[in-house]
């Protein structure tokens, strides 16, 4: 078995690396996808008016502007504001919030009546 020993050691090392790599892929594949919430923006409302997310969990807000004016989504208590979303445009915006109720609004001038809230609660 003398000449085969180095080959067997090498083959075993490759097998270990392959198994570890596949295990890592399986763990990543089993990770829950990032939740996504669609938020329609019209002139001058958010739909839904109450956006519910899980606390401290990264969530993607898919902002769809169905209005005729540009809008954004601002959470003043957390100092968070999305980029401006032009009419007909869709923008994905990622956030994670602590537990609580957070007023939202469109912070563009003249849009103060465009309000709602984000409710961030513990998961079930």
PDB file of N, CA and C in Angstrom:
ATOM      1  N   UNK A   1       0.808  -1.174   0.000  1.00  0.00           N
ATOM      2  CA  UNK A   1       0.000   0.000   0.000  1.00  0.00           C
ATOM      3  C   UNK A   1       0.861   1.250   0.000  1.00  0.00           C
ATOM      4  N   UNK A   2       2.194   1.084   0.036  1.00  0.00           N
ATOM      5  CA  UNK A   2       3.146   2.186   0.118  1.00  0.00           C
ATOM      6  C   UNK A   2       2.903   3.289  -0.908  1.00  0.00           C
ATOM      7  N   UNK A   3       2.916   3.005  -2.243  1.00  0.00           N
ATOM      8  CA  UNK A   3       2.756   4.076  -3.227  1.00  0.00           C
ATOM      9  C   UNK A   3       1.340   4.658  -3.224  1.00  0.00           C
ATOM     10  N   UNK A   4       0.353   3.922  -2.743  1.00  0.00           N
ATOM     11  CA  UNK A   4      -1.032   4.419  -2.735  1.00  0.00           C
ATOM     12  C   UNK A   4      -1.322   5.351  -1.559  1.00  0.00           C
ATOM     13  N   UNK A   5      -0.525   5.282  -0.508  1.00  0.00           N
ATOM     14  CA  UNK A   5      -0.805   6.048   0.705  1.00  0.00           C
ATOM     15  C   UNK A   5      -0.901   7.561   0.450  1.00  0.00           C
ATOM     16  N   UNK A   6       0.062   8.189  -0.257  1.00  0.00           N
ATOM     17  CA  UNK A   6      -0.075   9.638  -0.503  1.00  0.00           C
ATOM     18  C   UNK A   6      -1.345   9.951  -1.308  1.00  0.00           C
ATOM     19  N   UNK A   7      -1.677   9.126  -2.272  1.00  0.00           N
ATOM     20  CA  UNK A   7      -2.882   9.335  -3.084  1.00  0.00           C
ATOM     21  C   UNK A   7      -4.140   9.250  -2.225  1.00  0.00           C
ATOM     22  N   UNK A   8      -4.194   8.268  -1.323  1.00  0.00           N
ATOM     23  CA  UNK A   8      -5.369   8.108  -0.463  1.00  0.00           C
ATOM     24  C   UNK A   8      -5.507   9.295   0.482  1.00  0.00           C
ATOM     25  N   UNK A   9      -4.403   9.782   1.025  1.00  0.00           N
ATOM     26  CA  UNK A   9      -4.455  10.955   1.912  1.00  0.00           C
ATOM     27  C   UNK A   9      -4.971  12.179   1.142  1.00  0.00           C
ATOM     28  N   UNK A  10      -4.462  12.360  -0.081  1.00  0.00           N
ATOM     29  CA  UNK A  10      -4.867  13.479  -0.919  1.00  0.00           C
ATOM     30  C   UNK A  10      -6.359  13.366  -1.255  1.00  0.00           C
ATOM     31  N   UNK A  11      -6.801  12.179  -1.631  1.00  0.00           N
ATOM     32  CA  UNK A  11      -8.210  11.956  -1.974  1.00  0.00           C
ATOM     33  C   UNK A  11      -9.111  12.219  -0.774  1.00  0.00           C
ATOM     34  N   UNK A  12      -8.672  11.807   0.420  1.00  0.00           N
ATOM     35  CA  UNK A  12      -9.455  12.016   1.632  1.00  0.00           C
ATOM     36  C   UNK A  12      -9.581  13.521   1.930  1.00  0.00           C
ATOM     37  N   UNK A  13      -8.497  14.273   1.738  1.00  0.00           N
ATOM     38  CA  UNK A  13      -8.516  15.716   1.978  1.00  0.00           C
ATOM     39  C   UNK A  13      -9.490  16.399   1.017  1.00  0.00           C
ATOM     40  N   UNK A  14      -9.477  15.999  -0.255  1.00  0.00           N
ATOM     41  CA  UNK A  14     -10.400  16.573  -1.242  1.00  0.00           C
ATOM     42  C   UNK A  14     -11.836  16.239  -0.858  1.00  0.00           C
ATOM     43  N   UNK A  15     -12.089  15.020  -0.433  1.00  0.00           N
ATOM     44  CA  UNK A  15     -13.424  14.601  -0.030  1.00  0.00           C
ATOM     45  C   UNK A  15     -13.901  15.423   1.168  1.00  0.00           C
ATOM     46  N   UNK A  16     -13.026  15.673   2.158  1.00  0.00           N
ATOM     47  CA  UNK A  16     -13.414  16.464   3.329  1.00  0.00           C
ATOM     48  C   UNK A  16     -13.767  17.898   2.928  1.00  0.00           C
ATOM     49  N   UNK A  17     -12.964  18.506   2.069  1.00  0.00           N
ATOM     50  CA  UNK A  17     -13.228  19.870   1.626  1.00  0.00           C
ATOM     51  C   UNK A  17     -14.547  19.919   0.860  1.00  0.00           C
ATOM     52  N   UNK A  18     -14.801  18.943   0.003  1.00  0.00           N
ATOM     53  CA  UNK A  18     -16.041  18.894  -0.773  1.00  0.00           C
ATOM     54  C   UNK A  18     -17.246  18.749   0.140  1.00  0.00           C
ATOM     55  N   UNK A  19     -17.174  17.847   1.105  1.00  0.00           N
ATOM     56  CA  UNK A  19     -18.289  17.633   2.033  1.00  0.00           C
ATOM     57  C   UNK A  19     -18.552  18.898   2.846  1.00  0.00           C
ATOM     58  N   UNK A  20     -17.500  19.548   3.340  1.00  0.00           N
ATOM     59  CA  UNK A  20     -17.676  20.789   4.095  1.00  0.00           C
ATOM     60  C   UNK A  20     -18.286  21.877   3.221  1.00  0.00           C
ATOM     61  N   UNK A  21     -17.851  21.972   1.991  1.00  0.00           N
ATOM     62  CA  UNK A  21     -18.407  22.975   1.070  1.00  0.00           C
ATOM     63  C   UNK A  21     -19.875  22.728   0.801  1.00  0.00           C
ATOM     64  N   UNK A  22     -20.250  21.472   0.574  1.00  0.00           N
ATOM     65  CA  UNK A  22     -21.662  21.140   0.334  1.00  0.00           C
ATOM     66  C   UNK A  22     -22.506  21.400   1.572  1.00  0.00           C
ATOM     67  N   UNK A  23     -21.962  21.132   2.749  1.00  0.00           N
ATOM     68  CA  UNK A  23     -22.693  21.404   3.988  1.00  0.00           C
ATOM     69  C   UNK A  23     -22.942  22.902   4.125  1.00  0.00           C
ATOM     70  N   UNK A  24     -21.964  23.707   3.786  1.00  0.00           N
ATOM     71  CA  UNK A  24     -22.139  25.163   3.833  1.00  0.00           C
ATOM     72  C   UNK A  24     -23.197  25.630   2.867  1.00  0.00           C
ATOM     73  N   UNK A  25     -23.226  25.056   1.662  1.00  0.00           N
ATOM     74  CA  UNK A  25     -24.265  25.404   0.690  1.00  0.00           C
ATOM     75  C   UNK A  25     -25.636  25.014   1.207  1.00  0.00           C
ATOM     76  N   UNK A  26     -25.748  23.858   1.822  1.00  0.00           N
ATOM     77  CA  UNK A  26     -27.032  23.404   2.352  1.00  0.00           C
ATOM     78  C   UNK A  26     -27.525  24.328   3.456  1.00  0.00           C
ATOM     79  N   UNK A  27     -26.637  24.796   4.314  1.00  0.00           N
ATOM     80  CA  UNK A  27     -27.033  25.718   5.385  1.00  0.00           C
ATOM     81  C   UNK A  27     -27.526  27.022   4.784  1.00  0.00           C
ATOM     82  N   UNK A  28     -26.818  27.568   3.786  1.00  0.00           N
ATOM     83  CA  UNK A  28     -27.255  28.809   3.147  1.00  0.00           C
ATOM     84  C   UNK A  28     -28.565  28.628   2.415  1.00  0.00           C
ATOM     85  N   UNK A  29     -28.768  27.477   1.796  1.00  0.00           N
ATOM     86  CA  UNK A  29     -30.005  27.226   1.069  1.00  0.00           C
ATOM     87  C   UNK A  29     -31.183  27.117   2.016  1.00  0.00           C
ATOM     88  N   UNK A  30     -30.955  26.699   3.253  1.00  0.00           N
ATOM     89  CA  UNK A  30     -32.031  26.542   4.222  1.00  0.00           C
ATOM     90  C   UNK A  30     -32.359  27.849   4.932  1.00  0.00           C
ATOM     91  N   UNK A  31     -31.529  28.864   4.798  1.00  0.00           N
ATOM     92  CA  UNK A  31     -31.795  30.143   5.455  1.00  0.00           C
ATOM     93  C   UNK A  31     -33.076  30.742   4.893  1.00  0.00           C
ATOM     94  N   UNK A  32     -33.885  31.316   5.771  1.00  0.00           N
ATOM     95  CA  UNK A  32     -35.140  31.908   5.348  1.00  0.00           C
ATOM     96  C   UNK A  32     -34.860  33.110   4.451  1.00  0.00           C
ATOM     97  N   UNK A  33     -35.645  33.266   3.379  1.00  0.00           N
ATOM     98  CA  UNK A  33     -35.441  34.418   2.513  1.00  0.00           C
ATOM     99  C   UNK A  33     -35.831  35.708   3.241  1.00  0.00           C
ATOM    100  N   UNK A  34     -35.271  36.805   2.818  1.00  0.00           N
ATOM    101  CA  UNK A  34     -35.607  38.096   3.401  1.00  0.00           C
ATOM    102  C   UNK A  34     -37.050  38.420   3.044  1.00  0.00           C
ATOM    103  N   UNK A  35     -37.891  38.710   4.056  1.00  0.00           N
ATOM    104  CA  UNK A  35     -39.284  39.031   3.757  1.00  0.00           C
ATOM    105  C   UNK A  35     -39.381  40.310   2.919  1.00  0.00           C
ATOM    106  N   UNK A  36     -40.402  40.353   2.084  1.00  0.00           N
ATOM    107  CA  UNK A  36     -40.624  41.492   1.203  1.00  0.00           C
ATOM    108  C   UNK A  36     -42.064  41.969   1.362  1.00  0.00           C
ATOM    109  N   UNK A  37     -42.255  43.271   1.510  1.00  0.00           N
ATOM    110  CA  UNK A  37     -43.582  43.863   1.652  1.00  0.00           C
ATOM    111  C   UNK A  37     -43.748  44.890   0.542  1.00  0.00           C
ATOM    112  N   UNK A  38     -44.816  44.744  -0.240  1.00  0.00           N
ATOM    113  CA  UNK A  38     -45.105  45.701  -1.303  1.00  0.00           C
ATOM    114  C   UNK A  38     -45.884  46.867  -0.702  1.00  0.00           C
ATOM    115  N   UNK A  39     -45.410  48.084  -0.969  1.00  0.00           N
ATOM    116  CA  UNK A  39     -46.069  49.302  -0.497  1.00  0.00           C
ATOM    117  C   UNK A  39     -46.379  50.154  -1.731  1.00  0.00           C
ATOM    118  N   UNK A  40     -47.681  50.356  -1.978  1.00  0.00           N
ATOM    119  CA  UNK A  40     -48.092  51.203  -3.091  1.00  0.00           C
ATOM    120  C   UNK A  40     -48.119  52.650  -2.613  1.00  0.00           C
ATOM    121  N   UNK A  41     -47.582  53.532  -3.439  1.00  0.00           N
ATOM    122  CA  UNK A  41     -47.562  54.960  -3.136  1.00  0.00           C
ATOM    123  C   UNK A  41     -48.419  55.641  -4.200  1.00  0.00           C
ATOM    124  N   UNK A  42     -49.460  56.362  -3.739  1.00  0.00           N
ATOM    125  CA  UNK A  42     -50.322  57.089  -4.670  1.00  0.00           C
ATOM    126  C   UNK A  42     -50.303  58.554  -4.258  1.00  0.00           C
ATOM    127  N   UNK A  43     -51.097  59.373  -4.939  1.00  0.00           N
ATOM    128  CA  UNK A  43     -51.182  60.787  -4.586  1.00  0.00           C
ATOM    129  C   UNK A  43     -52.373  60.972  -3.649  1.00  0.00           C
ATOM    130  N   UNK A  44     -52.300  60.946  -2.413  1.00  0.00           N
ATOM    131  CA  UNK A  44     -51.234  61.048  -1.449  1.00  0.00           C
ATOM    132  C   UNK A  44     -51.497  60.046  -0.346  1.00  0.00           C
ATOM    133  N   UNK A  45     -51.181  58.783  -0.560  1.00  0.00           N
ATOM    134  CA  UNK A  45     -51.428  57.740   0.440  1.00  0.00           C
ATOM    135  C   UNK A  45     -50.456  56.583   0.251  1.00  0.00           C
ATOM    136  N   UNK A  46     -50.258  55.861   1.360  1.00  0.00           N
ATOM    137  CA  UNK A  46     -49.519  54.590   1.337  1.00  0.00           C
ATOM    138  C   UNK A  46     -50.545  53.470   1.425  1.00  0.00           C
ATOM    139  N   UNK A  47     -50.331  52.394   0.697  1.00  0.00           N
ATOM    140  CA  UNK A  47     -51.203  51.223   0.782  1.00  0.00           C
ATOM    141  C   UNK A  47     -50.316  49.986   0.863  1.00  0.00           C
ATOM    142  N   UNK A  48     -50.321  49.276   1.998  1.00  0.00           N
ATOM    143  CA  UNK A  48     -51.208  49.451   3.147  1.00  0.00           C
ATOM    144  C   UNK A  48     -50.795  50.668   3.977  1.00  0.00           C
ATOM    145  N   UNK A  49     -51.759  51.192   4.718  1.00  0.00           N
ATOM    146  CA  UNK A  49     -51.477  52.341   5.572  1.00  0.00           C
ATOM    147  C   UNK A  49     -50.686  51.919   6.809  1.00  0.00           C
ATOM    148  N   UNK A  50     -50.876  50.662   7.251  1.00  0.00           N
ATOM    149  CA  UNK A  50     -50.082  50.093   8.347  1.00  0.00           C
ATOM    150  C   UNK A  50     -49.245  48.959   7.758  1.00  0.00           C
ATOM    151  N   UNK A  51     -47.946  49.121   7.780  1.00  0.00           N
ATOM    152  CA  UNK A  51     -47.003  48.129   7.253  1.00  0.00           C
ATOM    153  C   UNK A  51     -46.516  47.315   8.447  1.00  0.00           C
ATOM    154  N   UNK A  52     -46.732  46.005   8.399  1.00  0.00           N
ATOM    155  CA  UNK A  52     -46.353  45.146   9.516  1.00  0.00           C
ATOM    156  C   UNK A  52     -45.112  44.343   9.156  1.00  0.00           C
ATOM    157  N   UNK A  53     -44.096  44.445  10.021  1.00  0.00           N
ATOM    158  CA  UNK A  53     -42.855  43.695   9.829  1.00  0.00           C
ATOM    159  C   UNK A  53     -42.468  43.040  11.153  1.00  0.00           C
ATOM    160  N   UNK A  54     -41.516  42.115  11.082  1.00  0.00           N
ATOM    161  CA  UNK A  54     -41.002  41.466  12.285  1.00  0.00           C
ATOM    162  C   UNK A  54     -39.851  42.305  12.846  1.00  0.00           C
ATOM    163  N   UNK A  55     -39.852  42.512  14.168  1.00  0.00           N
ATOM    164  CA  UNK A  55     -38.827  43.361  14.774  1.00  0.00           C
ATOM    165  C   UNK A  55     -37.428  42.806  14.516  1.00  0.00           C
ATOM    166  N   UNK A  56     -36.508  43.699  14.300  1.00  0.00           N
ATOM    167  CA  UNK A  56     -35.078  43.401  14.138  1.00  0.00           C
ATOM    168  C   UNK A  56     -34.769  42.468  12.974  1.00  0.00           C
ATOM    169  N   UNK A  57     -35.757  42.171  12.137  1.00  0.00           N
ATOM    170  CA  UNK A  57     -35.503  41.310  10.976  1.00  0.00           C
ATOM    171  C   UNK A  57     -35.389  42.184   9.731  1.00  0.00           C
ATOM    172  N   UNK A  58     -34.326  41.959   8.991  1.00  0.00           N
ATOM    173  CA  UNK A  58     -34.143  42.684   7.749  1.00  0.00           C
ATOM    174  C   UNK A  58     -35.361  42.412   6.850  1.00  0.00           C
ATOM    175  N   UNK A  59     -35.992  43.473   6.370  1.00  0.00           N
ATOM    176  CA  UNK A  59     -37.173  43.375   5.519  1.00  0.00           C
ATOM    177  C   UNK A  59     -36.980  44.291   4.321  1.00  0.00           C
ATOM    178  N   UNK A  60     -37.444  43.845   3.174  1.00  0.00           N
ATOM    179  CA  UNK A  60     -37.370  44.664   1.970  1.00  0.00           C
ATOM    180  C   UNK A  60     -38.750  45.264   1.726  1.00  0.00           C
ATOM    181  N   UNK A  61     -38.808  46.596   1.697  1.00  0.00           N
ATOM    182  CA  UNK A  61     -40.031  47.283   1.297  1.00  0.00           C
ATOM    183  C   UNK A  61     -39.912  47.552  -0.194  1.00  0.00           C
ATOM    184  N   UNK A  62     -40.859  47.029  -0.944  1.00  0.00           N
ATOM    185  CA  UNK A  62     -40.869  47.246  -2.386  1.00  0.00           C
ATOM    186  C   UNK A  62     -41.822  48.418  -2.631  1.00  0.00           C
ATOM    187  N   UNK A  63     -41.263  49.591  -2.832  1.00  0.00           N
ATOM    188  CA  UNK A  63     -42.034  50.817  -2.989  1.00  0.00           C
ATOM    189  C   UNK A  63     -42.422  50.995  -4.454  1.00  0.00           C
ATOM    190  N   UNK A  64     -43.737  50.960  -4.734  1.00  0.00           N
ATOM    191  CA  UNK A  64     -44.245  51.108  -6.104  1.00  0.00           C
ATOM    192  C   UNK A  64     -45.027  52.409  -6.185  1.00  0.00           C
ATOM    193  N   UNK A  65     -44.535  53.359  -6.968  1.00  0.00           N
ATOM    194  CA  UNK A  65     -45.204  54.645  -7.104  1.00  0.00           C
ATOM    195  C   UNK A  65     -46.236  54.573  -8.224  1.00  0.00           C
ATOM    196  N   UNK A  66     -47.509  54.528  -7.834  1.00  0.00           N
ATOM    197  CA  UNK A  66     -48.624  54.483  -8.788  1.00  0.00           C
ATOM    198  C   UNK A  66     -49.211  55.877  -9.009  1.00  0.00           C
ATOM    199  N   UNK A  67     -48.613  56.888  -8.375  1.00  0.00           N
ATOM    200  CA  UNK A  67     -49.112  58.250  -8.478  1.00  0.00           C
ATOM    201  C   UNK A  67     -48.546  58.994  -9.671  1.00  0.00           C
ATOM    202  N   UNK A  68     -48.856  60.281  -9.718  1.00  0.00           N
ATOM    203  CA  UNK A  68     -48.370  61.142 -10.800  1.00  0.00           C
ATOM    204  C   UNK A  68     -47.256  62.065 -10.331  1.00  0.00           C
ATOM    205  N   UNK A  69     -46.922  61.988  -9.027  1.00  0.00           N
ATOM    206  CA  UNK A  69     -45.841  62.799  -8.457  1.00  0.00           C
ATOM    207  C   UNK A  69     -44.812  61.888  -7.793  1.00  0.00           C
ATOM    208  N   UNK A  70     -43.604  62.389  -7.621  1.00  0.00           N
ATOM    209  CA  UNK A  70     -42.565  61.640  -6.900  1.00  0.00           C
ATOM    210  C   UNK A  70     -42.928  61.558  -5.430  1.00  0.00           C
ATOM    211  N   UNK A  71     -42.510  60.443  -4.769  1.00  0.00           N
ATOM    212  CA  UNK A  71     -42.769  60.241  -3.343  1.00  0.00           C
ATOM    213  C   UNK A  71     -41.554  59.569  -2.705  1.00  0.00           C
ATOM    214  N   UNK A  72     -41.536  59.565  -1.382  1.00  0.00           N
ATOM    215  CA  UNK A  72     -40.560  58.774  -0.632  1.00  0.00           C
ATOM    216  C   UNK A  72     -41.250  58.233   0.608  1.00  0.00           C
ATOM    217  N   UNK A  73     -40.548  57.430   1.370  1.00  0.00           N
ATOM    218  CA  UNK A  73     -41.072  56.905   2.625  1.00  0.00           C
ATOM    219  C   UNK A  73     -40.058  57.251   3.694  1.00  0.00           C
ATOM    220  N   UNK A  74     -40.515  58.022   4.670  1.00  0.00           N
ATOM    221  CA  UNK A  74     -39.634  58.483   5.728  1.00  0.00           C
ATOM    222  C   UNK A  74     -40.142  57.983   7.079  1.00  0.00           C
ATOM    223  N   UNK A  75     -39.209  57.533   7.923  1.00  0.00           N
ATOM    224  CA  UNK A  75     -39.507  57.120   9.302  1.00  0.00           C
ATOM    225  C   UNK A  75     -38.691  58.059  10.193  1.00  0.00           C
ATOM    226  N   UNK A  76     -39.249  59.242  10.514  1.00  0.00           N
ATOM    227  CA  UNK A  76     -38.471  60.258  11.230  1.00  0.00           C
ATOM    228  C   UNK A  76     -37.889  59.796  12.566  1.00  0.00           C
ATOM    229  N   UNK A  77     -38.628  59.006  13.353  1.00  0.00           N
ATOM    230  CA  UNK A  77     -38.125  58.577  14.668  1.00  0.00           C
ATOM    231  C   UNK A  77     -36.885  57.699  14.563  1.00  0.00           C
ATOM    232  N   UNK A  78     -36.667  57.100  13.410  1.00  0.00           N
ATOM    233  CA  UNK A  78     -35.486  56.260  13.205  1.00  0.00           C
ATOM    234  C   UNK A  78     -34.471  56.921  12.263  1.00  0.00           C
ATOM    235  N   UNK A  79     -34.785  58.144  11.828  1.00  0.00           N
ATOM    236  CA  UNK A  79     -33.903  58.871  10.919  1.00  0.00           C
ATOM    237  C   UNK A  79     -33.635  58.075   9.634  1.00  0.00           C
ATOM    238  N   UNK A  80     -34.709  57.491   9.088  1.00  0.00           N
ATOM    239  CA  UNK A  80     -34.620  56.670   7.876  1.00  0.00           C
ATOM    240  C   UNK A  80     -35.499  57.313   6.801  1.00  0.00           C
ATOM    241  N   UNK A  81     -34.943  57.485   5.609  1.00  0.00           N
ATOM    242  CA  UNK A  81     -35.714  57.991   4.474  1.00  0.00           C
ATOM    243  C   UNK A  81     -35.275  57.251   3.220  1.00  0.00           C
ATOM    244  N   UNK A  82     -36.262  56.757   2.477  1.00  0.00           N
ATOM    245  CA  UNK A  82     -35.959  56.077   1.220  1.00  0.00           C
ATOM    246  C   UNK A  82     -35.533  57.104   0.178  1.00  0.00           C
ATOM    247  N   UNK A  83     -34.898  56.631  -0.872  1.00  0.00           N
ATOM    248  CA  UNK A  83     -34.673  57.532  -2.010  1.00  0.00           C
ATOM    249  C   UNK A  83     -36.027  57.935  -2.610  1.00  0.00           C
ATOM    250  N   UNK A  84     -36.029  58.980  -3.380  1.00  0.00           N
ATOM    251  CA  UNK A  84     -37.235  59.441  -4.066  1.00  0.00           C
ATOM    252  C   UNK A  84     -37.642  58.413  -5.128  1.00  0.00           C
ATOM    253  N   UNK A  85     -38.946  58.120  -5.191  1.00  0.00           N
ATOM    254  CA  UNK A  85     -39.475  57.170  -6.169  1.00  0.00           C
ATOM    255  C   UNK A  85     -40.322  57.962  -7.163  1.00  0.00           C
ATOM    256  N   UNK A  86     -39.906  57.976  -8.402  1.00  0.00           N
ATOM    257  CA  UNK A  86     -40.599  58.745  -9.439  1.00  0.00           C
ATOM    258  C   UNK A  86     -41.870  58.014  -9.885  1.00  0.00           C
ATOM    259  N   UNK A  87     -42.823  58.719 -10.484  1.00  0.00           N
ATOM    260  CA  UNK A  87     -44.058  58.076 -10.952  1.00  0.00           C
ATOM    261  C   UNK A  87     -43.760  56.882 -11.872  1.00  0.00           C
ATOM    262  N   UNK A  88     -44.450  55.766 -11.599  1.00  0.00           N
ATOM    263  CA  UNK A  88     -44.271  54.551 -12.398  1.00  0.00           C
ATOM    264  C   UNK A  88     -43.050  53.732 -12.015  1.00  0.00           C
ATOM    265  N   UNK A  89     -42.242  54.233 -11.116  1.00  0.00           N
ATOM    266  CA  UNK A  89     -41.002  53.559 -10.721  1.00  0.00           C
ATOM    267  C   UNK A  89     -41.250  52.648  -9.512  1.00  0.00           C
ATOM    268  N   UNK A  90     -40.465  51.567  -9.416  1.00  0.00           N
ATOM    269  CA  UNK A  90     -40.464  50.681  -8.249  1.00  0.00           C
ATOM    270  C   UNK A  90     -39.050  50.649  -7.698  1.00  0.00           C
ATOM    271  N   UNK A  91     -38.959  50.712  -6.368  1.00  0.00           N
ATOM    272  CA  UNK A  91     -37.656  50.747  -5.717  1.00  0.00           C
ATOM    273  C   UNK A  91     -37.690  49.814  -4.520  1.00  0.00           C
ATOM    274  N   UNK A  92     -36.658  48.999  -4.354  1.00  0.00           N
ATOM    275  CA  UNK A  92     -36.556  48.131  -3.175  1.00  0.00           C
ATOM    276  C   UNK A  92     -35.727  48.839  -2.124  1.00  0.00           C
ATOM    277  N   UNK A  93     -36.253  48.826  -0.897  1.00  0.00           N
ATOM    278  CA  UNK A  93     -35.674  49.587   0.209  1.00  0.00           C
ATOM    279  C   UNK A  93     -35.602  48.654   1.414  1.00  0.00           C
ATOM    280  N   UNK A  94     -34.411  48.432   1.943  1.00  0.00           N
ATOM    281  CA  UNK A  94     -34.202  47.469   3.032  1.00  0.00           C
ATOM    282  C   UNK A  94     -34.137  48.168   4.381  1.00  0.00           C
ATOM    283  N   UNK A  95     -34.819  47.577   5.386  1.00  0.00           N
ATOM    284  CA  UNK A  95     -34.744  48.132   6.726  1.00  0.00           C
ATOM    285  C   UNK A  95     -34.964  47.049   7.768  1.00  0.00           C
ATOM    286  N   UNK A  96     -34.567  47.350   8.981  1.00  0.00           N
ATOM    287  CA  UNK A  96     -34.825  46.522  10.165  1.00  0.00           C
ATOM    288  C   UNK A  96     -35.096  47.502  11.301  1.00  0.00           C
ATOM    289  N   UNK A  97     -36.142  47.245  12.068  1.00  0.00           N
ATOM    290  CA  UNK A  97     -36.540  48.164  13.130  1.00  0.00           C
ATOM    291  C   UNK A  97     -36.676  47.441  14.458  1.00  0.00           C
ATOM    292  N   UNK A  98     -36.466  48.153  15.566  1.00  0.00           N
ATOM    293  CA  UNK A  98     -36.755  47.565  16.877  1.00  0.00           C
ATOM    294  C   UNK A  98     -38.274  47.437  17.033  1.00  0.00           C
ATOM    295  N   UNK A  99     -38.699  46.773  18.083  1.00  0.00           N
ATOM    296  CA  UNK A  99     -40.130  46.613  18.321  1.00  0.00           C
ATOM    297  C   UNK A  99     -40.763  47.982  18.572  1.00  0.00           C
ATOM    298  N   UNK A 100     -41.946  48.196  17.993  1.00  0.00           N
ATOM    299  CA  UNK A 100     -42.651  49.446  18.223  1.00  0.00           C
ATOM    300  C   UNK A 100     -43.515  49.852  17.052  1.00  0.00           C
ATOM    301  N   UNK A 101     -44.164  50.997  17.219  1.00  0.00           N
ATOM    302  CA  UNK A 101     -44.991  51.607  16.180  1.00  0.00           C
ATOM    303  C   UNK A 101     -44.254  52.860  15.710  1.00  0.00           C
ATOM    304  N   UNK A 102     -44.068  52.997  14.411  1.00  0.00           N
ATOM    305  CA  UNK A 102     -43.287  54.096  13.871  1.00  0.00           C
ATOM    306  C   UNK A 102     -44.087  54.838  12.802  1.00  0.00           C
ATOM    307  N   UNK A 103     -44.432  56.105  13.052  1.00  0.00           N
ATOM    308  CA  UNK A 103     -45.125  56.897  12.039  1.00  0.00           C
ATOM    309  C   UNK A 103     -44.260  57.030  10.783  1.00  0.00           C
ATOM    310  N   UNK A 104     -44.900  56.968   9.627  1.00  0.00           N
ATOM    311  CA  UNK A 104     -44.210  57.182   8.350  1.00  0.00           C
ATOM    312  C   UNK A 104     -44.900  58.331   7.627  1.00  0.00           C
ATOM    313  N   UNK A 105     -44.158  58.931   6.712  1.00  0.00           N
ATOM    314  CA  UNK A 105     -44.728  59.984   5.886  1.00  0.00           C
ATOM    315  C   UNK A 105     -43.887  60.147   4.643  1.00  0.00           C
ATOM    316  N   UNK A 106     -44.464  60.839   3.672  1.00  0.00           N
ATOM    317  CA  UNK A 106     -43.686  61.267   2.512  1.00  0.00           C
ATOM    318  C   UNK A 106     -43.129  62.620   2.901  1.00  0.00           C
ATOM    319  N   UNK A 107     -41.815  62.744   2.923  1.00  0.00           N
ATOM    320  CA  UNK A 107     -41.182  63.971   3.419  1.00  0.00           C
ATOM    321  C   UNK A 107     -40.927  65.004   2.323  1.00  0.00           C
ATOM    322  N   UNK A 108     -41.465  64.760   1.130  1.00  0.00           N
ATOM    323  CA  UNK A 108     -41.285  65.752   0.068  1.00  0.00           C
ATOM    324  C   UNK A 108     -42.196  66.957   0.349  1.00  0.00           C
ATOM    325  N   UNK A 109     -41.762  68.163   0.001  1.00  0.00           N
ATOM    326  CA  UNK A 109     -42.552  69.370   0.287  1.00  0.00           C
ATOM    327  C   UNK A 109     -43.976  69.273  -0.276  1.00  0.00           C
ATOM    328  N   UNK A 110     -44.947  69.620   0.582  1.00  0.00           N
ATOM    329  CA  UNK A 110     -46.360  69.600   0.181  1.00  0.00           C
ATOM    330  C   UNK A 110     -47.032  68.252   0.315  1.00  0.00           C
ATOM    331  N   UNK A 111     -46.308  67.230   0.779  1.00  0.00           N
ATOM    332  CA  UNK A 111     -46.866  65.874   0.879  1.00  0.00           C
ATOM    333  C   UNK A 111     -47.123  65.459   2.325  1.00  0.00           C
ATOM    334  N   UNK A 112     -47.204  66.401   3.248  1.00  0.00           N
ATOM    335  CA  UNK A 112     -47.314  66.104   4.681  1.00  0.00           C
ATOM    336  C   UNK A 112     -48.529  65.233   5.025  1.00  0.00           C
ATOM    337  N   UNK A 113     -49.586  65.296   4.216  1.00  0.00           N
ATOM    338  CA  UNK A 113     -50.797  64.510   4.489  1.00  0.00           C
ATOM    339  C   UNK A 113     -50.635  63.036   4.116  1.00  0.00           C
ATOM    340  N   UNK A 114     -49.541  62.674   3.482  1.00  0.00           N
ATOM    341  CA  UNK A 114     -49.274  61.285   3.080  1.00  0.00           C
ATOM    342  C   UNK A 114     -48.596  60.587   4.251  1.00  0.00           C
ATOM    343  N   UNK A 115     -49.417  59.921   5.087  1.00  0.00           N
ATOM    344  CA  UNK A 115     -48.905  59.330   6.331  1.00  0.00           C
ATOM    345  C   UNK A 115     -49.356  57.879   6.488  1.00  0.00           C
ATOM    346  N   UNK A 116     -48.761  57.214   7.448  1.00  0.00           N
ATOM    347  CA  UNK A 116     -49.106  55.836   7.807  1.00  0.00           C
ATOM    348  C   UNK A 116     -48.243  55.427   8.978  1.00  0.00           C
ATOM    349  N   UNK A 117     -48.038  54.122   9.131  1.00  0.00           N
ATOM    350  CA  UNK A 117     -47.129  53.679  10.192  1.00  0.00           C
ATOM    351  C   UNK A 117     -46.579  52.307   9.860  1.00  0.00           C
ATOM    352  N   UNK A 118     -45.433  52.034  10.478  1.00  0.00           N
ATOM    353  CA  UNK A 118     -44.827  50.706  10.423  1.00  0.00           C
ATOM    354  C   UNK A 118     -44.977  50.115  11.827  1.00  0.00           C
ATOM    355  N   UNK A 119     -45.525  48.917  11.881  1.00  0.00           N
ATOM    356  CA  UNK A 119     -45.652  48.188  13.139  1.00  0.00           C
ATOM    357  C   UNK A 119     -44.632  47.066  13.125  1.00  0.00           C
ATOM    358  N   UNK A 120     -43.703  47.139  14.071  1.00  0.00           N
ATOM    359  CA  UNK A 120     -42.631  46.155  14.155  1.00  0.00           C
ATOM    360  C   UNK A 120     -42.843  45.355  15.438  1.00  0.00           C
ATOM    361  N   UNK A 121     -43.151  44.071  15.281  1.00  0.00           N
ATOM    362  CA  UNK A 121     -43.485  43.244  16.449  1.00  0.00           C
ATOM    363  C   UNK A 121     -42.673  41.956  16.430  1.00  0.00           C
ATOM    364  N   UNK A 122     -42.701  41.265  17.567  1.00  0.00           N
ATOM    365  CA  UNK A 122     -42.023  39.982  17.683  1.00  0.00           C
ATOM    366  C   UNK A 122     -42.704  38.971  16.775  1.00  0.00           C
ATOM    367  N   UNK A 123     -41.915  38.082  16.169  1.00  0.00           N
ATOM    368  CA  UNK A 123     -42.456  37.052  15.293  1.00  0.00           C
ATOM    369  C   UNK A 123     -43.291  36.048  16.057  1.00  0.00           C
ATOM    370  N   UNK A 124     -44.097  35.319  15.305  1.00  0.00           N
ATOM    371  CA  UNK A 124     -44.975  34.318  15.918  1.00  0.00           C
ATOM    372  C   UNK A 124     -44.296  32.998  16.065  1.00  0.00           C
TER     373      UNK A 124
END
